[in-house]
Amino acid sequence: MTAVSNKTDGTTLLVTTPYEDSTDDQISKQAREETIRLRAYDLYLNRGGEDGSDVHDWLRAEIECFGSV
């Protein structure tokens, strides 16, 4: 498990690293990444477009969309 800090608001996310061989049969890797990218961008915009929290936004989006990292 890894802790990821948000530089802007000080929040911390605890995330797990996925297994190398894990795949999602229902959703292609490309579609999954696009879903996460769009949600992460939405989080960025909701924060007012401030730089510095891209990793936090990405991990939060991944958790929100798919339940784990």
PDB file of N, CA and C in Angstrom:
ATOM      1  N   MET A   1       0.851  -1.167   0.000  1.00  0.00           N
ATOM      2  CA  MET A   1       0.000   0.000   0.000  1.00  0.00           C
ATOM      3  C   MET A   1       0.898   1.232   0.000  1.00  0.00           C
ATOM      4  N   THR A   2       0.482   2.244  -0.745  1.00  0.00           N
ATOM      5  CA  THR A   2       1.255   3.465  -0.885  1.00  0.00           C
ATOM      6  C   THR A   2       0.396   4.664  -0.515  1.00  0.00           C
ATOM      7  N   ALA A   3       0.963   5.606   0.207  1.00  0.00           N
ATOM      8  CA  ALA A   3       0.261   6.851   0.537  1.00  0.00           C
ATOM      9  C   ALA A   3       0.652   7.905  -0.481  1.00  0.00           C
ATOM     10  N   VAL A   4      -0.364   8.570  -1.038  1.00  0.00           N
ATOM     11  CA  VAL A   4      -0.128   9.635  -2.012  1.00  0.00           C
ATOM     12  C   VAL A   4      -0.748  10.913  -1.463  1.00  0.00           C
ATOM     13  N   SER A   5       0.093  11.941  -1.281  1.00  0.00           N
ATOM     14  CA  SER A   5      -0.374  13.214  -0.725  1.00  0.00           C
ATOM     15  C   SER A   5      -0.752  14.196  -1.818  1.00  0.00           C
ATOM     16  N   ASN A   6      -1.811  14.956  -1.561  1.00  0.00           N
ATOM     17  CA  ASN A   6      -2.227  16.030  -2.442  1.00  0.00           C
ATOM     18  C   ASN A   6      -1.556  17.296  -1.939  1.00  0.00           C
ATOM     19  N   LYS A   7      -0.702  17.912  -2.757  1.00  0.00           N
ATOM     20  CA  LYS A   7       0.038  19.103  -2.350  1.00  0.00           C
ATOM     21  C   LYS A   7      -0.870  20.302  -2.115  1.00  0.00           C
ATOM     22  N   THR A   8      -2.019  20.325  -2.786  1.00  0.00           N
ATOM     23  CA  THR A   8      -2.910  21.473  -2.695  1.00  0.00           C
ATOM     24  C   THR A   8      -3.694  21.503  -1.395  1.00  0.00           C
ATOM     25  N   ASP A   9      -4.366  20.393  -1.059  1.00  0.00           N
ATOM     26  CA  ASP A   9      -5.237  20.417   0.119  1.00  0.00           C
ATOM     27  C   ASP A   9      -4.760  19.527   1.266  1.00  0.00           C
ATOM     28  N   GLY A  10      -3.628  18.867   1.102  1.00  0.00           N
ATOM     29  CA  GLY A  10      -3.058  18.079   2.176  1.00  0.00           C
ATOM     30  C   GLY A  10      -3.701  16.725   2.416  1.00  0.00           C
ATOM     31  N   THR A  11      -4.700  16.342   1.622  1.00  0.00           N
ATOM     32  CA  THR A  11      -5.323  15.046   1.809  1.00  0.00           C
ATOM     33  C   THR A  11      -4.380  13.944   1.345  1.00  0.00           C
ATOM     34  N   THR A  12      -4.597  12.754   1.860  1.00  0.00           N
ATOM     35  CA  THR A  12      -3.772  11.604   1.508  1.00  0.00           C
ATOM     36  C   THR A  12      -4.656  10.455   1.077  1.00  0.00           C
ATOM     37  N   LEU A  13      -4.265   9.803  -0.003  1.00  0.00           N
ATOM     38  CA  LEU A  13      -4.948   8.597  -0.465  1.00  0.00           C
ATOM     39  C   LEU A  13      -4.042   7.414  -0.207  1.00  0.00           C
ATOM     40  N   LEU A  14      -4.615   6.319   0.272  1.00  0.00           N
ATOM     41  CA  LEU A  14      -3.875   5.072   0.394  1.00  0.00           C
ATOM     42  C   LEU A  14      -4.279   4.195  -0.773  1.00  0.00           C
ATOM     43  N   VAL A  15      -3.301   3.755  -1.540  1.00  0.00           N
ATOM     44  CA  VAL A  15      -3.585   2.971  -2.736  1.00  0.00           C
ATOM     45  C   VAL A  15      -2.761   1.694  -2.728  1.00  0.00           C
ATOM     46  N   THR A  16      -3.273   0.678  -3.372  1.00  0.00           N
ATOM     47  CA  THR A  16      -2.546  -0.566  -3.523  1.00  0.00           C
ATOM     48  C   THR A  16      -2.036  -0.671  -4.943  1.00  0.00           C
ATOM     49  N   THR A  17      -0.956  -1.365  -5.114  1.00  0.00           N
ATOM     50  CA  THR A  17      -0.388  -1.557  -6.435  1.00  0.00           C
ATOM     51  C   THR A  17      -1.008  -2.798  -7.059  1.00  0.00           C
ATOM     52  N   PRO A  18      -1.509  -2.679  -8.279  1.00  0.00           N
ATOM     53  CA  PRO A  18      -2.125  -3.840  -8.915  1.00  0.00           C
ATOM     54  C   PRO A  18      -1.084  -4.886  -9.277  1.00  0.00           C
ATOM     55  N   TYR A  19      -1.518  -6.119  -9.388  1.00  0.00           N
ATOM     56  CA  TYR A  19      -0.632  -7.184  -9.827  1.00  0.00           C
ATOM     57  C   TYR A  19      -0.295  -6.985 -11.290  1.00  0.00           C
ATOM     58  N   GLU A  20       0.899  -7.362 -11.639  1.00  0.00           N
ATOM     59  CA  GLU A  20       1.393  -7.201 -13.008  1.00  0.00           C
ATOM     60  C   GLU A  20       0.485  -7.900 -14.016  1.00  0.00           C
ATOM     61  N   ASP A  21      -0.034  -9.063 -13.675  1.00  0.00           N
ATOM     62  CA  ASP A  21      -0.818  -9.859 -14.621  1.00  0.00           C
ATOM     63  C   ASP A  21      -2.312  -9.579 -14.579  1.00  0.00           C
ATOM     64  N   SER A  22      -2.778  -8.668 -13.713  1.00  0.00           N
ATOM     65  CA  SER A  22      -4.217  -8.447 -13.607  1.00  0.00           C
ATOM     66  C   SER A  22      -4.747  -7.761 -14.858  1.00  0.00           C
ATOM     67  N   THR A  23      -5.900  -8.234 -15.351  1.00  0.00           N
ATOM     68  CA  THR A  23      -6.539  -7.624 -16.514  1.00  0.00           C
ATOM     69  C   THR A  23      -8.012  -7.467 -16.222  1.00  0.00           C
ATOM     70  N   ASP A  24      -8.644  -6.589 -16.921  1.00  0.00           N
ATOM     71  CA  ASP A  24     -10.073  -6.375 -16.770  1.00  0.00           C
ATOM     72  C   ASP A  24     -10.722  -6.842 -18.063  1.00  0.00           C
ATOM     73  N   ASP A  25     -11.385  -7.999 -18.017  1.00  0.00           N
ATOM     74  CA  ASP A  25     -11.946  -8.592 -19.226  1.00  0.00           C
ATOM     75  C   ASP A  25     -13.034  -7.747 -19.864  1.00  0.00           C
ATOM     76  N   GLN A  26     -13.841  -7.055 -19.053  1.00  0.00           N
ATOM     77  CA  GLN A  26     -14.968  -6.302 -19.589  1.00  0.00           C
ATOM     78  C   GLN A  26     -14.550  -5.010 -20.281  1.00  0.00           C
ATOM     79  N   ILE A  27     -13.514  -4.411 -19.808  1.00  0.00           N
ATOM     80  CA  ILE A  27     -13.121  -3.101 -20.332  1.00  0.00           C
ATOM     81  C   ILE A  27     -11.687  -3.187 -20.831  1.00  0.00           C
ATOM     82  N   SER A  28     -11.464  -2.787 -22.050  1.00  0.00           N
ATOM     83  CA  SER A  28     -10.103  -2.811 -22.578  1.00  0.00           C
ATOM     84  C   SER A  28      -9.238  -1.822 -21.801  1.00  0.00           C
ATOM     85  N   LYS A  29      -7.957  -2.047 -21.836  1.00  0.00           N
ATOM     86  CA  LYS A  29      -7.026  -1.167 -21.139  1.00  0.00           C
ATOM     87  C   LYS A  29      -7.169   0.271 -21.631  1.00  0.00           C
ATOM     88  N   GLN A  30      -7.336   0.428 -22.921  1.00  0.00           N
ATOM     89  CA  GLN A  30      -7.455   1.768 -23.497  1.00  0.00           C
ATOM     90  C   GLN A  30      -8.725   2.475 -23.020  1.00  0.00           C
ATOM     91  N   ALA A  31      -9.849   1.763 -22.992  1.00  0.00           N
ATOM     92  CA  ALA A  31     -11.108   2.361 -22.535  1.00  0.00           C
ATOM     93  C   ALA A  31     -11.030   2.696 -21.048  1.00  0.00           C
ATOM     94  N   ARG A  32     -10.404   1.838 -20.280  1.00  0.00           N
ATOM     95  CA  ARG A  32     -10.239   2.072 -18.846  1.00  0.00           C
ATOM     96  C   ARG A  32      -9.414   3.338 -18.612  1.00  0.00           C
ATOM     97  N   GLU A  33      -8.303   3.456 -19.342  1.00  0.00           N
ATOM     98  CA  GLU A  33      -7.439   4.620 -19.197  1.00  0.00           C
ATOM     99  C   GLU A  33      -8.158   5.910 -19.602  1.00  0.00           C
ATOM    100  N   GLU A  34      -8.947   5.848 -20.652  1.00  0.00           N
ATOM    101  CA  GLU A  34      -9.705   7.021 -21.103  1.00  0.00           C
ATOM    102  C   GLU A  34     -10.725   7.445 -20.052  1.00  0.00           C
ATOM    103  N   THR A  35     -11.398   6.495 -19.431  1.00  0.00           N
ATOM    104  CA  THR A  35     -12.371   6.782 -18.375  1.00  0.00           C
ATOM    105  C   THR A  35     -11.690   7.478 -17.202  1.00  0.00           C
ATOM    106  N   ILE A  36     -10.552   6.952 -16.800  1.00  0.00           N
ATOM    107  CA  ILE A  36      -9.805   7.543 -15.689  1.00  0.00           C
ATOM    108  C   ILE A  36      -9.313   8.937 -16.062  1.00  0.00           C
ATOM    109  N   ARG A  37      -8.795   9.078 -17.279  1.00  0.00           N
ATOM    110  CA  ARG A  37      -8.279  10.365 -17.727  1.00  0.00           C
ATOM    111  C   ARG A  37      -9.354  11.445 -17.688  1.00  0.00           C
ATOM    112  N   LEU A  38     -10.532  11.103 -18.169  1.00  0.00           N
ATOM    113  CA  LEU A  38     -11.625  12.084 -18.180  1.00  0.00           C
ATOM    114  C   LEU A  38     -12.046  12.467 -16.768  1.00  0.00           C
ATOM    115  N   ARG A  39     -12.111  11.492 -15.864  1.00  0.00           N
ATOM    116  CA  ARG A  39     -12.495  11.795 -14.479  1.00  0.00           C
ATOM    117  C   ARG A  39     -11.403  12.607 -13.786  1.00  0.00           C
ATOM    118  N   ALA A  40     -10.147  12.279 -14.032  1.00  0.00           N
ATOM    119  CA  ALA A  40      -9.045  13.027 -13.431  1.00  0.00           C
ATOM    120  C   ALA A  40      -9.060  14.476 -13.915  1.00  0.00           C
ATOM    121  N   TYR A  41      -9.356  14.666 -15.180  1.00  0.00           N
ATOM    122  CA  TYR A  41      -9.442  16.024 -15.716  1.00  0.00           C
ATOM    123  C   TYR A  41     -10.604  16.783 -15.071  1.00  0.00           C
ATOM    124  N   ASP A  42     -11.708  16.106 -14.856  1.00  0.00           N
ATOM    125  CA  ASP A  42     -12.851  16.723 -14.181  1.00  0.00           C
ATOM    126  C   ASP A  42     -12.470  17.137 -12.756  1.00  0.00           C
ATOM    127  N   LEU A  43     -11.733  16.289 -12.053  1.00  0.00           N
ATOM    128  CA  LEU A  43     -11.276  16.630 -10.705  1.00  0.00           C
ATOM    129  C   LEU A  43     -10.357  17.856 -10.744  1.00  0.00           C
ATOM    130  N   TYR A  44      -9.473  17.897 -11.714  1.00  0.00           N
ATOM    131  CA  TYR A  44      -8.574  19.042 -11.912  1.00  0.00           C
ATOM    132  C   TYR A  44      -9.372  20.333 -12.115  1.00  0.00           C
ATOM    133  N   LEU A  45     -10.376  20.271 -12.976  1.00  0.00           N
ATOM    134  CA  LEU A  45     -11.201  21.458 -13.221  1.00  0.00           C
ATOM    135  C   LEU A  45     -11.975  21.866 -11.979  1.00  0.00           C
ATOM    136  N   ASN A  46     -12.484  20.895 -11.239  1.00  0.00           N
ATOM    137  CA  ASN A  46     -13.226  21.192 -10.007  1.00  0.00           C
ATOM    138  C   ASN A  46     -12.350  21.827  -8.943  1.00  0.00           C
ATOM    139  N   ARG A  47     -11.044  21.599  -9.000  1.00  0.00           N
ATOM    140  CA  ARG A  47     -10.104  22.237  -8.072  1.00  0.00           C
ATOM    141  C   ARG A  47      -9.695  23.623  -8.553  1.00  0.00           C
ATOM    142  N   GLY A  48     -10.240  24.063  -9.650  1.00  0.00           N
ATOM    143  CA  GLY A  48      -9.905  25.380 -10.169  1.00  0.00           C
ATOM    144  C   GLY A  48      -8.750  25.363 -11.155  1.00  0.00           C
ATOM    145  N   GLY A  49      -8.375  24.186 -11.631  1.00  0.00           N
ATOM    146  CA  GLY A  49      -7.313  24.088 -12.627  1.00  0.00           C
ATOM    147  C   GLY A  49      -5.919  24.352 -12.091  1.00  0.00           C
ATOM    148  N   GLU A  50      -5.723  24.192 -10.788  1.00  0.00           N
ATOM    149  CA  GLU A  50      -4.405  24.417 -10.199  1.00  0.00           C
ATOM    150  C   GLU A  50      -3.512  23.209 -10.436  1.00  0.00           C
ATOM    151  N   ASP A  51      -2.275  23.466 -10.862  1.00  0.00           N
ATOM    152  CA  ASP A  51      -1.304  22.407 -11.098  1.00  0.00           C
ATOM    153  C   ASP A  51      -0.791  21.821  -9.785  1.00  0.00           C
ATOM    154  N   GLY A  52      -0.149  20.644  -9.893  1.00  0.00           N
ATOM    155  CA  GLY A  52       0.536  20.067  -8.741  1.00  0.00           C
ATOM    156  C   GLY A  52      -0.138  18.876  -8.113  1.00  0.00           C
ATOM    157  N   SER A  53      -1.310  18.485  -8.581  1.00  0.00           N
ATOM    158  CA  SER A  53      -2.019  17.358  -7.960  1.00  0.00           C
ATOM    159  C   SER A  53      -2.424  16.314  -8.991  1.00  0.00           C
ATOM    160  N   ASP A  54      -1.673  16.232 -10.087  1.00  0.00           N
ATOM    161  CA  ASP A  54      -2.064  15.324 -11.164  1.00  0.00           C
ATOM    162  C   ASP A  54      -2.078  13.860 -10.743  1.00  0.00           C
ATOM    163  N   VAL A  55      -1.092  13.428  -9.961  1.00  0.00           N
ATOM    164  CA  VAL A  55      -1.055  12.032  -9.519  1.00  0.00           C
ATOM    165  C   VAL A  55      -2.223  11.761  -8.577  1.00  0.00           C
ATOM    166  N   HIS A  56      -2.470  12.672  -7.670  1.00  0.00           N
ATOM    167  CA  HIS A  56      -3.590  12.524  -6.739  1.00  0.00           C
ATOM    168  C   HIS A  56      -4.910  12.447  -7.509  1.00  0.00           C
ATOM    169  N   ASP A  57      -5.089  13.330  -8.486  1.00  0.00           N
ATOM    170  CA  ASP A  57      -6.312  13.317  -9.292  1.00  0.00           C
ATOM    171  C   ASP A  57      -6.460  11.991 -10.030  1.00  0.00           C
ATOM    172  N   TRP A  58      -5.371  11.506 -10.617  1.00  0.00           N
ATOM    173  CA  TRP A  58      -5.416  10.252 -11.374  1.00  0.00           C
ATOM    174  C   TRP A  58      -5.794   9.081 -10.454  1.00  0.00           C
ATOM    175  N   LEU A  59      -5.137   8.982  -9.307  1.00  0.00           N
ATOM    176  CA  LEU A  59      -5.414   7.871  -8.393  1.00  0.00           C
ATOM    177  C   LEU A  59      -6.824   7.950  -7.820  1.00  0.00           C
ATOM    178  N   ARG A  60      -7.259   9.143  -7.491  1.00  0.00           N
ATOM    179  CA  ARG A  60      -8.634   9.310  -6.994  1.00  0.00           C
ATOM    180  C   ARG A  60      -9.640   8.909  -8.071  1.00  0.00           C
ATOM    181  N   ALA A  61      -9.385   9.328  -9.311  1.00  0.00           N
ATOM    182  CA  ALA A  61     -10.275   8.970 -10.420  1.00  0.00           C
ATOM    183  C   ALA A  61     -10.306   7.463 -10.625  1.00  0.00           C
ATOM    184  N   GLU A  62      -9.170   6.838 -10.532  1.00  0.00           N
ATOM    185  CA  GLU A  62      -9.105   5.382 -10.701  1.00  0.00           C
ATOM    186  C   GLU A  62      -9.897   4.662  -9.609  1.00  0.00           C
ATOM    187  N   ILE A  63      -9.778   5.135  -8.387  1.00  0.00           N
ATOM    188  CA  ILE A  63     -10.532   4.541  -7.285  1.00  0.00           C
ATOM    189  C   ILE A  63     -12.025   4.781  -7.452  1.00  0.00           C
ATOM    190  N   GLU A  64     -12.408   5.996  -7.822  1.00  0.00           N
ATOM    191  CA  GLU A  64     -13.822   6.309  -8.012  1.00  0.00           C
ATOM    192  C   GLU A  64     -14.435   5.488  -9.145  1.00  0.00           C
ATOM    193  N   CYS A  65     -13.699   5.321 -10.221  1.00  0.00           N
ATOM    194  CA  CYS A  65     -14.239   4.640 -11.403  1.00  0.00           C
ATOM    195  C   CYS A  65     -14.225   3.123 -11.290  1.00  0.00           C
ATOM    196  N   PHE A  66     -13.181   2.577 -10.648  1.00  0.00           N
ATOM    197  CA  PHE A  66     -13.014   1.132 -10.667  1.00  0.00           C
ATOM    198  C   PHE A  66     -12.806   0.496  -9.289  1.00  0.00           C
ATOM    199  N   GLY A  67     -12.828   1.299  -8.241  1.00  0.00           N
ATOM    200  CA  GLY A  67     -12.799   0.768  -6.891  1.00  0.00           C
ATOM    201  C   GLY A  67     -11.431   0.472  -6.333  1.00  0.00           C
ATOM    202  N   SER A  68     -10.392   0.432  -7.146  1.00  0.00           N
ATOM    203  CA  SER A  68      -9.046   0.184  -6.643  1.00  0.00           C
ATOM    204  C   SER A  68      -8.043   0.632  -7.678  1.00  0.00           C
ATOM    205  N   VAL A  69      -6.808   0.673  -7.234  1.00  0.00           N
ATOM    206  CA  VAL A  69      -5.725   1.077  -8.135  1.00  0.00           C
ATOM    207  C   VAL A  69      -4.949  -0.128  -8.521  1.00  0.00           C
TER     208      VAL A  69
END
